[in-house]
Every structure is written in C-alpha cells, then in structure tokens.
C-alpha cells in the first residue's frame, strides 16, 4: 500500500540507535512527492532529518524550519517565545 499520509508518534522513542536509524530511513523512503510523513518527536536528530519542522509551544506554532540541522532545531526549541507588548 502507498498511503497519502503516514503518521508516526515518537517512532524512535523506545529503540536503540541502530534500530531508530532504520525506522527513520524507512520513514524517509515513505516521504515522496505523492506521500507525506507527519512525525511527532522530541529527538532533535530525528527532527533534523525532516524537510519541514514545526516547533510547537503551548499549542501554537512557535517556529517553522526548512531542512534544519539538529543545532537549528535545538535553537528553535530553546529560544524563548517573544511576547507582544
């Protein structure tokens, strides 16, 4: 089957490094022009393998990144939200 969307909730959370890398490789293969992968993760390295990363904070999009490095994901996660005055 070739689903239009694959949802993956913490797909590497309970895996060792090697098995996690294999799962991420499979998910990467599943993401094509015709199929998308939506992954929820706290793993910065896993997030950095994505084409697009949405950093959520308090139920809202805090930052949007395109093809980020793990360092860029970390910076986005740790940067405080700006408040309107």
N, C-alpha and C. Protein backbone atom coordinates (compact mmCIF):
# COMPACT_ATOMS: atom_id res chain seq x y z
N UNK A 1 0.84 -1.20 0.00
CA UNK A 1 0.00 0.00 0.00
C UNK A 1 0.88 1.24 0.00
N UNK A 2 0.37 2.30 -0.60
CA UNK A 2 1.04 3.60 -0.63
C UNK A 2 0.08 4.64 -0.06
N UNK A 3 0.04 4.81 1.25
CA UNK A 3 -0.87 5.81 1.82
C UNK A 3 -0.45 7.22 1.45
N UNK A 4 -1.41 8.14 1.46
CA UNK A 4 -1.12 9.54 1.20
C UNK A 4 -0.34 10.17 2.35
N UNK A 5 -0.66 9.73 3.59
CA UNK A 5 -0.02 10.27 4.79
C UNK A 5 0.30 9.12 5.74
N UNK A 6 1.51 9.16 6.29
CA UNK A 6 1.92 8.22 7.34
C UNK A 6 2.11 9.06 8.60
N UNK A 7 1.44 8.68 9.69
CA UNK A 7 1.60 9.37 10.97
C UNK A 7 2.51 8.53 11.86
N UNK A 8 3.53 9.17 12.45
CA UNK A 8 4.49 8.47 13.31
C UNK A 8 4.64 9.27 14.61
N UNK A 9 4.16 8.70 15.70
CA UNK A 9 4.22 9.36 17.01
C UNK A 9 5.39 8.78 17.80
N UNK A 10 6.45 9.57 17.96
CA UNK A 10 7.68 9.15 18.65
C UNK A 10 8.15 7.79 18.13
N UNK A 11 8.40 7.67 16.82
CA UNK A 11 8.73 6.37 16.25
C UNK A 11 10.05 5.77 16.72
N UNK A 12 10.94 6.58 17.27
CA UNK A 12 12.24 6.06 17.72
C UNK A 12 12.36 6.05 19.24
N UNK A 13 11.29 6.40 19.94
CA UNK A 13 11.34 6.59 21.39
C UNK A 13 11.86 5.42 22.19
N UNK A 14 11.50 4.21 21.85
CA UNK A 14 11.89 3.04 22.64
C UNK A 14 12.91 2.17 21.91
N UNK A 15 13.62 2.75 20.94
CA UNK A 15 14.55 1.97 20.13
C UNK A 15 15.99 2.34 20.41
N UNK A 16 16.89 1.39 20.18
CA UNK A 16 18.31 1.71 20.26
C UNK A 16 18.68 2.54 19.03
N UNK A 17 19.88 3.05 19.01
CA UNK A 17 20.32 3.96 17.95
C UNK A 17 20.23 3.33 16.57
N UNK A 18 20.68 2.10 16.44
CA UNK A 18 20.68 1.45 15.12
C UNK A 18 19.26 1.20 14.62
N UNK A 19 18.40 0.67 15.48
CA UNK A 19 17.01 0.41 15.08
C UNK A 19 16.29 1.72 14.78
N UNK A 20 16.56 2.74 15.57
CA UNK A 20 15.96 4.05 15.33
C UNK A 20 16.35 4.62 13.98
N UNK A 21 17.61 4.47 13.62
CA UNK A 21 18.08 4.95 12.32
C UNK A 21 17.39 4.20 11.19
N UNK A 22 17.17 2.91 11.37
CA UNK A 22 16.49 2.12 10.35
C UNK A 22 15.04 2.58 10.18
N UNK A 23 14.36 2.86 11.28
CA UNK A 23 12.98 3.35 11.21
C UNK A 23 12.94 4.70 10.50
N UNK A 24 13.87 5.59 10.85
CA UNK A 24 13.90 6.90 10.20
C UNK A 24 14.21 6.79 8.71
N UNK A 25 15.05 5.84 8.35
CA UNK A 25 15.32 5.60 6.92
C UNK A 25 14.05 5.14 6.21
N UNK A 26 13.29 4.24 6.84
CA UNK A 26 12.03 3.77 6.25
C UNK A 26 11.03 4.93 6.09
N UNK A 27 10.94 5.76 7.10
CA UNK A 27 10.02 6.91 7.03
C UNK A 27 10.47 7.87 5.93
N UNK A 28 11.78 8.06 5.79
CA UNK A 28 12.31 8.95 4.76
C UNK A 28 11.95 8.42 3.38
N UNK A 29 12.04 7.10 3.22
CA UNK A 29 11.69 6.47 1.96
C UNK A 29 10.19 6.63 1.67
N UNK A 30 9.38 6.63 2.72
CA UNK A 30 7.92 6.76 2.56
C UNK A 30 7.52 8.16 2.13
N UNK A 31 8.36 9.15 2.42
CA UNK A 31 8.05 10.55 2.07
C UNK A 31 8.46 10.78 0.61
N UNK A 32 7.47 10.90 -0.25
CA UNK A 32 7.71 11.10 -1.67
C UNK A 32 6.88 12.30 -2.14
N UNK A 33 6.87 12.54 -3.43
CA UNK A 33 6.04 13.61 -3.97
C UNK A 33 4.56 13.31 -3.77
N UNK A 34 4.21 12.03 -3.66
CA UNK A 34 2.81 11.62 -3.53
C UNK A 34 2.41 11.25 -2.11
N UNK A 35 3.35 11.12 -1.19
CA UNK A 35 3.08 10.70 0.18
C UNK A 35 3.84 11.58 1.16
N UNK A 36 3.20 11.83 2.29
CA UNK A 36 3.83 12.65 3.34
C UNK A 36 3.97 11.83 4.61
N UNK A 37 4.95 12.21 5.43
CA UNK A 37 5.13 11.63 6.75
C UNK A 37 4.98 12.76 7.76
N UNK A 38 4.11 12.57 8.72
CA UNK A 38 3.94 13.51 9.82
C UNK A 38 4.48 12.81 11.06
N UNK A 39 5.55 13.35 11.62
CA UNK A 39 6.20 12.72 12.76
C UNK A 39 6.22 13.66 13.95
N UNK A 40 5.85 13.13 15.10
CA UNK A 40 5.95 13.87 16.36
C UNK A 40 7.15 13.28 17.09
N UNK A 41 8.08 14.14 17.50
CA UNK A 41 9.27 13.64 18.19
C UNK A 41 9.87 14.71 19.09
N UNK A 42 10.58 14.24 20.12
CA UNK A 42 11.39 15.11 20.96
C UNK A 42 12.87 14.92 20.62
N UNK A 43 13.16 14.03 19.67
CA UNK A 43 14.52 13.70 19.26
C UNK A 43 14.99 14.71 18.23
N UNK A 44 15.95 15.55 18.60
CA UNK A 44 16.43 16.61 17.72
C UNK A 44 17.08 16.05 16.45
N UNK A 45 17.79 14.93 16.57
CA UNK A 45 18.42 14.32 15.40
C UNK A 45 17.36 13.80 14.44
N UNK A 46 16.30 13.20 14.98
CA UNK A 46 15.21 12.71 14.12
C UNK A 46 14.52 13.88 13.43
N UNK A 47 14.26 14.94 14.17
CA UNK A 47 13.59 16.11 13.59
C UNK A 47 14.44 16.73 12.49
N UNK A 48 15.75 16.70 12.66
CA UNK A 48 16.66 17.30 11.68
C UNK A 48 16.68 16.55 10.35
N UNK A 49 16.11 15.37 10.32
CA UNK A 49 16.05 14.61 9.06
C UNK A 49 14.83 14.99 8.22
N UNK A 50 14.01 15.88 8.75
CA UNK A 50 12.77 16.27 8.06
C UNK A 50 13.01 17.41 7.07
N UNK A 51 12.12 17.50 6.10
CA UNK A 51 12.15 18.62 5.17
C UNK A 51 11.61 19.89 5.83
N UNK A 52 10.64 19.70 6.72
CA UNK A 52 9.99 20.83 7.38
C UNK A 52 9.74 20.47 8.84
N UNK A 53 10.08 21.37 9.75
CA UNK A 53 9.90 21.15 11.18
C UNK A 53 9.05 22.28 11.74
N UNK A 54 8.00 21.91 12.44
CA UNK A 54 7.18 22.89 13.16
C UNK A 54 7.44 22.69 14.64
N UNK A 55 7.94 23.72 15.30
CA UNK A 55 8.18 23.67 16.74
C UNK A 55 6.95 24.24 17.41
N UNK A 56 6.30 23.42 18.23
CA UNK A 56 5.08 23.85 18.92
C UNK A 56 5.40 24.28 20.34
N UNK A 57 4.70 25.29 20.79
CA UNK A 57 4.82 25.74 22.18
C UNK A 57 3.44 26.20 22.62
N UNK A 58 2.96 25.63 23.71
CA UNK A 58 1.65 25.97 24.26
C UNK A 58 0.54 25.86 23.21
N UNK A 59 0.63 24.81 22.37
CA UNK A 59 -0.42 24.54 21.40
C UNK A 59 -0.39 25.39 20.15
N UNK A 60 0.64 26.19 20.00
CA UNK A 60 0.74 27.06 18.81
C UNK A 60 2.10 26.87 18.15
N UNK A 61 2.17 27.17 16.86
CA UNK A 61 3.45 27.07 16.15
C UNK A 61 4.36 28.20 16.62
N UNK A 62 5.50 27.81 17.17
CA UNK A 62 6.49 28.76 17.68
C UNK A 62 7.49 29.12 16.57
N UNK A 63 7.93 28.11 15.81
CA UNK A 63 8.89 28.33 14.73
C UNK A 63 8.63 27.33 13.62
N UNK A 64 8.96 27.69 12.41
CA UNK A 64 8.92 26.80 11.27
C UNK A 64 10.31 26.79 10.65
N UNK A 65 10.84 25.60 10.44
CA UNK A 65 12.18 25.45 9.89
C UNK A 65 12.10 24.58 8.64
N UNK A 66 12.98 24.84 7.69
CA UNK A 66 13.05 24.05 6.47
C UNK A 66 14.43 23.41 6.36
N UNK A 67 14.44 22.07 6.29
CA UNK A 67 15.66 21.29 6.20
C UNK A 67 16.69 21.74 7.25
N UNK A 68 16.31 21.74 8.52
CA UNK A 68 17.21 22.25 9.56
C UNK A 68 18.27 21.23 9.98
N UNK A 69 19.31 21.74 10.60
CA UNK A 69 20.29 20.88 11.28
C UNK A 69 19.76 20.64 12.69
N UNK A 70 20.35 19.67 13.38
CA UNK A 70 19.96 19.41 14.77
C UNK A 70 20.22 20.65 15.63
N UNK A 71 21.29 21.38 15.34
CA UNK A 71 21.59 22.61 16.10
C UNK A 71 20.51 23.67 15.88
N UNK A 72 20.01 23.78 14.66
CA UNK A 72 18.93 24.75 14.38
C UNK A 72 17.64 24.35 15.08
N UNK A 73 17.35 23.06 15.12
CA UNK A 73 16.16 22.59 15.85
C UNK A 73 16.32 22.91 17.33
N UNK A 74 17.50 22.63 17.89
CA UNK A 74 17.77 22.91 19.30
C UNK A 74 17.57 24.39 19.60
N UNK A 75 18.10 25.25 18.74
CA UNK A 75 17.96 26.70 18.94
C UNK A 75 16.50 27.10 18.91
N UNK A 76 15.73 26.53 18.01
CA UNK A 76 14.31 26.87 17.91
C UNK A 76 13.53 26.41 19.14
N UNK A 77 13.90 25.25 19.65
CA UNK A 77 13.21 24.69 20.82
C UNK A 77 13.55 25.48 22.08
N UNK A 78 14.76 25.97 22.18
CA UNK A 78 15.21 26.63 23.41
C UNK A 78 15.06 28.14 23.41
N UNK A 79 14.77 28.73 22.26
CA UNK A 79 14.59 30.18 22.20
C UNK A 79 13.26 30.57 22.83
N UNK A 80 13.28 31.48 23.79
CA UNK A 80 12.03 31.89 24.42
C UNK A 80 11.07 32.54 23.40
N UNK A 81 9.81 32.36 23.65
CA UNK A 81 8.79 32.98 22.81
C UNK A 81 8.81 34.49 23.07
N UNK A 82 8.60 35.26 22.02
CA UNK A 82 8.51 36.71 22.19
C UNK A 82 7.09 37.06 22.55
N UNK A 83 6.93 38.03 23.38
CA UNK A 83 5.61 38.46 23.82
C UNK A 83 5.25 39.79 23.21
N UNK A 84 4.01 39.90 22.81
CA UNK A 84 3.52 41.19 22.31
C UNK A 84 3.38 42.14 23.49
N UNK A 85 3.72 43.39 23.26
CA UNK A 85 3.64 44.38 24.34
C UNK A 85 2.34 45.12 24.26
